[in-house]
Amino acid sequence: MNTTKRIITTTFAILLVTYTFAQVSLGLKAGVNIANVTIPEVSLVNIPNVQANKSFTLGAVAEFGIANGFAIQTEANYTKKGFIINEGIPLELANIPLPVGVKVTTDLNYIEVPVLAKYNFGNGKVGGYVTAGPTMSYAASGRFRTAANFIIDFNVVDQKFDFDDFNISKFDLGASIGAGGTVNLGATKLFVDARYTHGFNKLDNIPVIDLDFRNKNFAITTGFLIPLSRE
């Protein structure tokens, strides 16, 4: 916790100093988030079929331009992470295969704050950029859902995800890298962003067997930035 507080304090200090000489732009964004977890290679454990959890993401953006195309971009995003386990059970009736299985969906709703170094390039009208930097996330809530399939689907469990029961920290530190394109419309700049984020904190703490699951997600978003006058 102390490490997290130091990172947050340092981040806000950097942004405060940057604001004193930077061109500031504010905006909003929204898009699609494809979340999953890292899959460890454990020969003694039967790892289930883990699939991506697709959802939406949205957030607010602040860009602090420095000089020569360089900037610092920070955001406050609502992002759903987690994963889906989809396991089929082989079953036949009169030599006819039947669709039988179970689907487990874990939804983890995070407030994510990335602080990114950004480099913009282009001709002023159409351009691009690359970003990289750390991210800080806090899991505000979560749900755990299971559904069984036997000819038709029906829900079995739908309950709140208890982080304490699974001994999972609500804080997650990670790193992000991305790229995007921009179109300058004068008073507004439109952008499309593609970004990969990888979490550093383990999502599990299982005695004896260390499965080492960590968040990872890929997001494609679109949005706008409006420059603020510094005159």
C-alpha atoms as a PDB file:
ATOM      1  CA  MET A   1       0.000   0.000   0.000  1.00  0.00           C
ATOM      2  CA  ASN A   2       2.857   2.393   0.851  1.00  0.00           C
ATOM      3  CA  THR A   3       4.388   1.775  -2.571  1.00  0.00           C
ATOM      4  CA  THR A   4       1.074   2.548  -4.257  1.00  0.00           C
ATOM      5  CA  LYS A   5       0.711   5.803  -2.277  1.00  0.00           C
ATOM      6  CA  ARG A   6       4.216   6.889  -3.252  1.00  0.00           C
ATOM      7  CA  ILE A   7       3.534   6.189  -6.928  1.00  0.00           C
ATOM      8  CA  ILE A   8       0.260   8.151  -6.832  1.00  0.00           C
ATOM      9  CA  THR A   9       1.895  11.094  -5.003  1.00  0.00           C
ATOM     10  CA  THR A  10       4.805  11.182  -7.450  1.00  0.00           C
ATOM     11  CA  THR A  11       2.433  10.988 -10.418  1.00  0.00           C
ATOM     12  CA  PHE A  12       0.366  13.970  -9.289  1.00  0.00           C
ATOM     13  CA  ALA A  13       3.520  15.943  -8.529  1.00  0.00           C
ATOM     14  CA  ILE A  14       4.802  15.337 -12.078  1.00  0.00           C
ATOM     15  CA  LEU A  15       1.462  16.385 -13.566  1.00  0.00           C
ATOM     16  CA  LEU A  16       1.369  19.548 -11.440  1.00  0.00           C
ATOM     17  CA  VAL A  17       4.851  20.595 -12.560  1.00  0.00           C
ATOM     18  CA  THR A  18       4.066  19.719 -16.171  1.00  0.00           C
ATOM     19  CA  TYR A  19       0.896  21.819 -16.179  1.00  0.00           C
ATOM     20  CA  THR A  20       2.872  24.999 -15.417  1.00  0.00           C
ATOM     21  CA  PHE A  21       4.432  25.021 -18.888  1.00  0.00           C
ATOM     22  CA  ALA A  22       2.394  22.582 -20.991  1.00  0.00           C
ATOM     23  CA  GLN A  23      -0.334  23.003 -23.580  1.00  0.00           C
ATOM     24  CA  VAL A  24      -3.287  21.157 -22.061  1.00  0.00           C
ATOM     25  CA  SER A  25      -5.982  19.246 -23.969  1.00  0.00           C
ATOM     26  CA  LEU A  26      -8.973  17.501 -22.400  1.00  0.00           C
ATOM     27  CA  GLY A  27     -11.284  14.908 -23.883  1.00  0.00           C
ATOM     28  CA  LEU A  28     -13.314  11.724 -23.637  1.00  0.00           C
ATOM     29  CA  LYS A  29     -12.994   8.266 -25.156  1.00  0.00           C
ATOM     30  CA  ALA A  30     -14.894   4.968 -25.407  1.00  0.00           C
ATOM     31  CA  GLY A  31     -14.420   1.641 -27.087  1.00  0.00           C
ATOM     32  CA  VAL A  32     -14.034  -2.124 -26.842  1.00  0.00           C
ATOM     33  CA  ASN A  33     -11.911  -3.924 -24.261  1.00  0.00           C
ATOM     34  CA  ILE A  34     -10.745  -7.532 -24.689  1.00  0.00           C
ATOM     35  CA  ALA A  35      -9.585  -8.814 -21.294  1.00  0.00           C
ATOM     36  CA  ASN A  36      -7.885 -12.062 -20.340  1.00  0.00           C
ATOM     37  CA  VAL A  37      -5.264 -13.454 -17.965  1.00  0.00           C
ATOM     38  CA  THR A  38      -1.798 -14.893 -18.491  1.00  0.00           C
ATOM     39  CA  ILE A  39      -1.825 -18.692 -18.703  1.00  0.00           C
ATOM     40  CA  PRO A  40       1.003 -20.373 -16.761  1.00  0.00           C
ATOM     41  CA  GLU A  41       2.700 -23.502 -18.009  1.00  0.00           C
ATOM     42  CA  VAL A  42       2.182 -25.991 -15.188  1.00  0.00           C
ATOM     43  CA  SER A  43       2.622 -29.607 -16.211  1.00  0.00           C
ATOM     44  CA  LEU A  44       1.082 -31.017 -13.009  1.00  0.00           C
ATOM     45  CA  VAL A  45      -2.108 -28.986 -13.232  1.00  0.00           C
ATOM     46  CA  ASN A  46      -4.883 -29.311 -15.792  1.00  0.00           C
ATOM     47  CA  ILE A  47      -5.358 -25.680 -16.890  1.00  0.00           C
ATOM     48  CA  PRO A  48      -8.938 -25.082 -18.104  1.00  0.00           C
ATOM     49  CA  ASN A  49      -9.877 -23.494 -21.403  1.00  0.00           C
ATOM     50  CA  VAL A  50      -9.552 -19.790 -20.603  1.00  0.00           C
ATOM     51  CA  GLN A  51     -11.115 -17.320 -23.057  1.00  0.00           C
ATOM     52  CA  ALA A  52     -11.207 -13.544 -23.408  1.00  0.00           C
ATOM     53  CA  ASN A  53     -13.882 -11.472 -21.690  1.00  0.00           C
ATOM     54  CA  LYS A  54     -15.092  -8.829 -24.160  1.00  0.00           C
ATOM     55  CA  SER A  55     -16.787  -5.650 -22.932  1.00  0.00           C
ATOM     56  CA  PHE A  56     -16.687  -1.869 -23.230  1.00  0.00           C
ATOM     57  CA  THR A  57     -14.404   0.780 -21.745  1.00  0.00           C
ATOM     58  CA  LEU A  58     -14.769   4.527 -21.350  1.00  0.00           C
ATOM     59  CA  GLY A  59     -12.801   7.332 -19.783  1.00  0.00           C
ATOM     60  CA  ALA A  60     -11.579  10.913 -19.545  1.00  0.00           C
ATOM     61  CA  VAL A  61      -8.279  12.011 -21.110  1.00  0.00           C
ATOM     62  CA  ALA A  62      -5.850  14.838 -20.311  1.00  0.00           C
ATOM     63  CA  GLU A  63      -2.854  15.542 -22.550  1.00  0.00           C
ATOM     64  CA  PHE A  64      -0.050  17.845 -21.368  1.00  0.00           C
ATOM     65  CA  GLY A  65       2.008  18.857 -24.406  1.00  0.00           C
ATOM     66  CA  ILE A  66       5.660  19.644 -23.664  1.00  0.00           C
ATOM     67  CA  ALA A  67       7.729  20.330 -26.819  1.00  0.00           C
ATOM     68  CA  ASN A  68       8.699  18.851 -30.197  1.00  0.00           C
ATOM     69  CA  GLY A  69       5.752  16.438 -30.237  1.00  0.00           C
ATOM     70  CA  PHE A  70       6.381  15.047 -26.760  1.00  0.00           C
ATOM     71  CA  ALA A  71       3.589  15.005 -24.172  1.00  0.00           C
ATOM     72  CA  ILE A  72       2.352  13.330 -21.020  1.00  0.00           C
ATOM     73  CA  GLN A  73      -1.104  11.796 -21.180  1.00  0.00           C
ATOM     74  CA  THR A  74      -3.065  10.683 -18.153  1.00  0.00           C
ATOM     75  CA  GLU A  75      -6.521   9.141 -18.058  1.00  0.00           C
ATOM     76  CA  ALA A  76      -9.236   7.977 -15.676  1.00  0.00           C
ATOM     77  CA  ASN A  77     -10.878   4.928 -17.256  1.00  0.00           C
ATOM     78  CA  TYR A  78     -13.623   2.506 -16.342  1.00  0.00           C
ATOM     79  CA  THR A  79     -12.442  -0.865 -17.623  1.00  0.00           C
ATOM     80  CA  LYS A  80     -13.865  -4.352 -17.213  1.00  0.00           C
ATOM     81  CA  LYS A  81     -11.264  -7.091 -16.879  1.00  0.00           C
ATOM     82  CA  GLY A  82     -11.465 -10.776 -16.033  1.00  0.00           C
ATOM     83  CA  PHE A  83     -11.780 -13.976 -18.041  1.00  0.00           C
ATOM     84  CA  ILE A  84     -14.127 -16.763 -19.149  1.00  0.00           C
ATOM     85  CA  ILE A  85     -13.661 -20.494 -18.599  1.00  0.00           C
ATOM     86  CA  ASN A  86     -15.627 -22.577 -21.085  1.00  0.00           C
ATOM     87  CA  GLU A  87     -15.371 -26.333 -20.633  1.00  0.00           C
ATOM     88  CA  GLY A  88     -17.210 -28.919 -22.697  1.00  0.00           C
ATOM     89  CA  ILE A  89     -18.044 -32.406 -21.459  1.00  0.00           C
ATOM     90  CA  PRO A  90     -18.049 -35.201 -24.073  1.00  0.00           C
ATOM     91  CA  LEU A  91     -21.448 -36.903 -24.025  1.00  0.00           C
ATOM     92  CA  GLU A  92     -23.271 -38.927 -26.670  1.00  0.00           C
ATOM     93  CA  LEU A  93     -26.780 -40.290 -26.929  1.00  0.00           C
ATOM     94  CA  ALA A  94     -27.394 -42.944 -29.592  1.00  0.00           C
ATOM     95  CA  ASN A  95     -24.055 -41.955 -31.177  1.00  0.00           C
ATOM     96  CA  ILE A  96     -25.233 -38.343 -31.385  1.00  0.00           C
ATOM     97  CA  PRO A  97     -22.949 -35.825 -29.645  1.00  0.00           C
ATOM     98  CA  LEU A  98     -24.799 -33.586 -27.184  1.00  0.00           C
ATOM     99  CA  PRO A  99     -23.772 -29.994 -26.316  1.00  0.00           C
ATOM    100  CA  VAL A 100     -22.943 -30.313 -22.621  1.00  0.00           C
ATOM    101  CA  GLY A 101     -20.644 -28.050 -20.671  1.00  0.00           C
ATOM    102  CA  VAL A 102     -20.136 -25.292 -18.149  1.00  0.00           C
ATOM    103  CA  LYS A 103     -19.223 -21.633 -18.607  1.00  0.00           C
ATOM    104  CA  VAL A 104     -17.684 -19.552 -15.806  1.00  0.00           C
ATOM    105  CA  THR A 105     -17.437 -15.776 -16.288  1.00  0.00           C
ATOM    106  CA  THR A 106     -15.381 -13.547 -13.986  1.00  0.00           C
ATOM    107  CA  ASP A 107     -16.067  -9.806 -14.371  1.00  0.00           C
ATOM    108  CA  LEU A 108     -13.704  -7.419 -12.550  1.00  0.00           C
ATOM    109  CA  ASN A 109     -14.597  -3.727 -12.832  1.00  0.00           C
ATOM    110  CA  TYR A 110     -11.534  -1.484 -12.527  1.00  0.00           C
ATOM    111  CA  ILE A 111     -10.916   2.232 -12.306  1.00  0.00           C
ATOM    112  CA  GLU A 112      -7.654   2.533 -14.206  1.00  0.00           C
ATOM    113  CA  VAL A 113      -5.272   5.513 -14.245  1.00  0.00           C
ATOM    114  CA  PRO A 114      -2.475   5.275 -16.827  1.00  0.00           C
ATOM    115  CA  VAL A 115       0.296   7.900 -16.961  1.00  0.00           C
ATOM    116  CA  LEU A 116       1.813   7.706 -20.426  1.00  0.00           C
ATOM    117  CA  ALA A 117       4.756   9.251 -22.204  1.00  0.00           C
ATOM    118  CA  LYS A 118       3.459  10.249 -25.636  1.00  0.00           C
ATOM    119  CA  TYR A 119       5.101  11.231 -28.908  1.00  0.00           C
ATOM    120  CA  ASN A 120       2.953  12.900 -31.598  1.00  0.00           C
ATOM    121  CA  PHE A 121       3.922  13.140 -35.259  1.00  0.00           C
ATOM    122  CA  GLY A 122       2.245  14.207 -38.498  1.00  0.00           C
ATOM    123  CA  ASN A 123       1.539  17.208 -40.712  1.00  0.00           C
ATOM    124  CA  GLY A 124      -0.843  19.065 -38.397  1.00  0.00           C
ATOM    125  CA  LYS A 125      -4.034  17.820 -40.067  1.00  0.00           C
ATOM    126  CA  VAL A 126      -3.495  14.063 -39.956  1.00  0.00           C
ATOM    127  CA  GLY A 127      -1.054  12.441 -37.584  1.00  0.00           C
ATOM    128  CA  GLY A 128      -0.202   9.579 -35.332  1.00  0.00           C
ATOM    129  CA  TYR A 129       1.309   8.878 -31.955  1.00  0.00           C
ATOM    130  CA  VAL A 130       2.864   6.207 -29.756  1.00  0.00           C
ATOM    131  CA  THR A 131       2.457   5.864 -25.980  1.00  0.00           C
ATOM    132  CA  ALA A 132       4.035   3.893 -23.145  1.00  0.00           C
ATOM    133  CA  GLY A 133       3.976   4.073 -19.373  1.00  0.00           C
ATOM    134  CA  PRO A 134       2.724   2.691 -16.061  1.00  0.00           C
ATOM    135  CA  THR A 135      -0.883   2.085 -15.066  1.00  0.00           C
ATOM    136  CA  MET A 136      -2.531   2.014 -11.637  1.00  0.00           C
ATOM    137  CA  SER A 137      -5.845   0.185 -11.228  1.00  0.00           C
ATOM    138  CA  TYR A 138      -8.358  -0.305  -8.445  1.00  0.00           C
ATOM    139  CA  ALA A 139     -11.051  -2.997  -8.599  1.00  0.00           C
ATOM    140  CA  ALA A 140     -14.282  -1.253  -7.603  1.00  0.00           C
ATOM    141  CA  SER A 141     -16.468  -4.356  -7.925  1.00  0.00           C
ATOM    142  CA  GLY A 142     -16.810  -7.736  -9.564  1.00  0.00           C
ATOM    143  CA  ARG A 143     -19.183 -10.590 -10.305  1.00  0.00           C
ATOM    144  CA  PHE A 144     -18.818 -14.341 -10.637  1.00  0.00           C
ATOM    145  CA  ARG A 145     -21.273 -16.141 -12.917  1.00  0.00           C
ATOM    146  CA  THR A 146     -21.622 -19.778 -13.934  1.00  0.00           C
ATOM    147  CA  ALA A 147     -23.913 -21.219 -16.584  1.00  0.00           C
ATOM    148  CA  ALA A 148     -24.549 -24.857 -17.437  1.00  0.00           C
ATOM    149  CA  ASN A 149     -25.324 -26.104 -20.910  1.00  0.00           C
ATOM    150  CA  PHE A 150     -27.416 -29.168 -21.662  1.00  0.00           C
ATOM    151  CA  ILE A 151     -29.209 -28.624 -24.966  1.00  0.00           C
ATOM    152  CA  ILE A 152     -30.101 -25.141 -23.641  1.00  0.00           C
ATOM    153  CA  ASP A 153     -28.205 -22.680 -21.412  1.00  0.00           C
ATOM    154  CA  PHE A 154     -29.321 -21.901 -17.849  1.00  0.00           C
ATOM    155  CA  ASN A 155     -27.654 -19.910 -15.071  1.00  0.00           C
ATOM    156  CA  VAL A 156     -26.463 -21.701 -11.938  1.00  0.00           C
ATOM    157  CA  VAL A 157     -24.635 -19.020  -9.931  1.00  0.00           C
ATOM    158  CA  ASP A 158     -24.623 -15.224 -10.206  1.00  0.00           C
ATOM    159  CA  GLN A 159     -23.019 -13.539  -7.217  1.00  0.00           C
ATOM    160  CA  LYS A 160     -20.735 -10.712  -6.134  1.00  0.00           C
ATOM    161  CA  PHE A 161     -17.026 -11.441  -6.495  1.00  0.00           C
ATOM    162  CA  ASP A 162     -15.401 -11.320  -3.039  1.00  0.00           C
ATOM    163  CA  PHE A 163     -11.756 -10.303  -3.373  1.00  0.00           C
ATOM    164  CA  ASP A 164     -11.037 -11.197   0.266  1.00  0.00           C
ATOM    165  CA  ASP A 165     -12.276 -14.778  -0.158  1.00  0.00           C
ATOM    166  CA  PHE A 166      -9.827 -15.287  -3.038  1.00  0.00           C
ATOM    167  CA  ASN A 167      -7.073 -13.306  -1.268  1.00  0.00           C
ATOM    168  CA  ILE A 168      -6.773 -10.960  -4.254  1.00  0.00           C
ATOM    169  CA  SER A 169      -5.617  -7.359  -3.896  1.00  0.00           C
ATOM    170  CA  LYS A 170      -7.941  -4.744  -5.362  1.00  0.00           C
ATOM    171  CA  PHE A 171      -4.896  -2.733  -6.497  1.00  0.00           C
ATOM    172  CA  ASP A 172      -3.064  -3.684  -9.663  1.00  0.00           C
ATOM    173  CA  LEU A 173       0.049  -2.043 -11.064  1.00  0.00           C
ATOM    174  CA  GLY A 174       0.905  -2.604 -14.705  1.00  0.00           C
ATOM    175  CA  ALA A 175       2.404  -1.230 -17.882  1.00  0.00           C
ATOM    176  CA  SER A 176       0.825  -0.075 -21.119  1.00  0.00           C
ATOM    177  CA  ILE A 177       2.003   0.419 -24.690  1.00  0.00           C
ATOM    178  CA  GLY A 178      -0.048   1.731 -27.599  1.00  0.00           C
ATOM    179  CA  ALA A 179      -0.354   3.663 -30.821  1.00  0.00           C
ATOM    180  CA  GLY A 180      -3.012   5.695 -32.578  1.00  0.00           C
ATOM    181  CA  GLY A 181      -3.998   8.074 -35.324  1.00  0.00           C
ATOM    182  CA  THR A 182      -5.435  11.591 -35.193  1.00  0.00           C
ATOM    183  CA  VAL A 183      -7.428  13.979 -37.368  1.00  0.00           C
ATOM    184  CA  ASN A 184      -7.239  17.681 -36.483  1.00  0.00           C
ATOM    185  CA  LEU A 185     -10.537  19.512 -37.035  1.00  0.00           C
ATOM    186  CA  GLY A 186      -9.316  22.823 -35.647  1.00  0.00           C
ATOM    187  CA  ALA A 187     -11.019  23.222 -32.291  1.00  0.00           C
ATOM    188  CA  THR A 188     -11.172  19.442 -31.805  1.00  0.00           C
ATOM    189  CA  LYS A 189      -8.793  16.578 -32.449  1.00  0.00           C
ATOM    190  CA  LEU A 190     -10.304  13.138 -33.106  1.00  0.00           C
ATOM    191  CA  PHE A 191      -8.284  10.012 -32.353  1.00  0.00           C
ATOM    192  CA  VAL A 192      -8.376   6.234 -32.624  1.00  0.00           C
ATOM    193  CA  ASP A 193      -6.246   4.341 -30.098  1.00  0.00           C
ATOM    194  CA  ALA A 194      -5.031   0.727 -29.862  1.00  0.00           C
ATOM    195  CA  ARG A 195      -3.422  -0.279 -26.559  1.00  0.00           C
ATOM    196  CA  TYR A 196      -2.106  -3.330 -24.727  1.00  0.00           C
ATOM    197  CA  THR A 197      -1.908  -3.353 -20.913  1.00  0.00           C
ATOM    198  CA  HIS A 198      -0.233  -6.018 -18.774  1.00  0.00           C
ATOM    199  CA  GLY A 199      -0.751  -6.295 -15.014  1.00  0.00           C
ATOM    200  CA  PHE A 200       2.095  -7.069 -12.616  1.00  0.00           C
ATOM    201  CA  ASN A 201       0.091  -8.232  -9.585  1.00  0.00           C
ATOM    202  CA  LYS A 202      -0.947 -11.864  -9.303  1.00  0.00           C
ATOM    203  CA  LEU A 203      -4.684 -12.532  -9.262  1.00  0.00           C
ATOM    204  CA  ASP A 204      -4.432 -15.684  -7.176  1.00  0.00           C
ATOM    205  CA  ASN A 205      -2.760 -16.906  -4.033  1.00  0.00           C
ATOM    206  CA  ILE A 206      -3.407 -20.618  -3.956  1.00  0.00           C
ATOM    207  CA  PRO A 207      -1.450 -22.634  -1.353  1.00  0.00           C
ATOM    208  CA  VAL A 208       1.057 -25.210  -2.668  1.00  0.00           C
ATOM    209  CA  ILE A 209       0.245 -24.520  -6.352  1.00  0.00           C
ATOM    210  CA  ASP A 210       1.269 -21.108  -7.678  1.00  0.00           C
ATOM    211  CA  LEU A 211      -0.696 -20.565 -10.899  1.00  0.00           C
ATOM    212  CA  ASP A 212       0.517 -16.978 -11.380  1.00  0.00           C
ATOM    213  CA  PHE A 213      -2.533 -15.498 -13.158  1.00  0.00           C
ATOM    214  CA  ARG A 214      -2.154 -11.808 -14.105  1.00  0.00           C
ATOM    215  CA  ASN A 215      -4.439  -9.361 -15.915  1.00  0.00           C
ATOM    216  CA  LYS A 216      -3.844  -8.519 -19.544  1.00  0.00           C
ATOM    217  CA  ASN A 217      -6.097  -6.670 -21.953  1.00  0.00           C
ATOM    218  CA  PHE A 218      -6.209  -5.106 -25.397  1.00  0.00           C
ATOM    219  CA  ALA A 219      -8.444  -2.103 -26.063  1.00  0.00           C
ATOM    220  CA  ILE A 220      -9.479  -0.173 -29.158  1.00  0.00           C
ATOM    221  CA  THR A 221     -11.031   3.201 -28.420  1.00  0.00           C
ATOM    222  CA  THR A 222     -12.021   6.381 -30.210  1.00  0.00           C
ATOM    223  CA  GLY A 223     -12.476   9.839 -28.787  1.00  0.00           C
ATOM    224  CA  PHE A 224     -11.655  13.527 -28.973  1.00  0.00           C
ATOM    225  CA  LEU A 225      -9.332  16.097 -27.420  1.00  0.00           C
ATOM    226  CA  ILE A 226     -10.088  19.816 -27.079  1.00  0.00           C
ATOM    227  CA  PRO A 227      -7.080  22.158 -26.550  1.00  0.00           C
ATOM    228  CA  LEU A 228      -7.438  24.640 -23.694  1.00  0.00           C
ATOM    229  CA  SER A 229      -6.194  28.182 -24.212  1.00  0.00           C
ATOM    230  CA  ARG A 230      -3.210  29.153 -22.056  1.00  0.00           C
ATOM    231  CA  GLU A 231      -3.398  32.837 -22.885  1.00  0.00           C
END
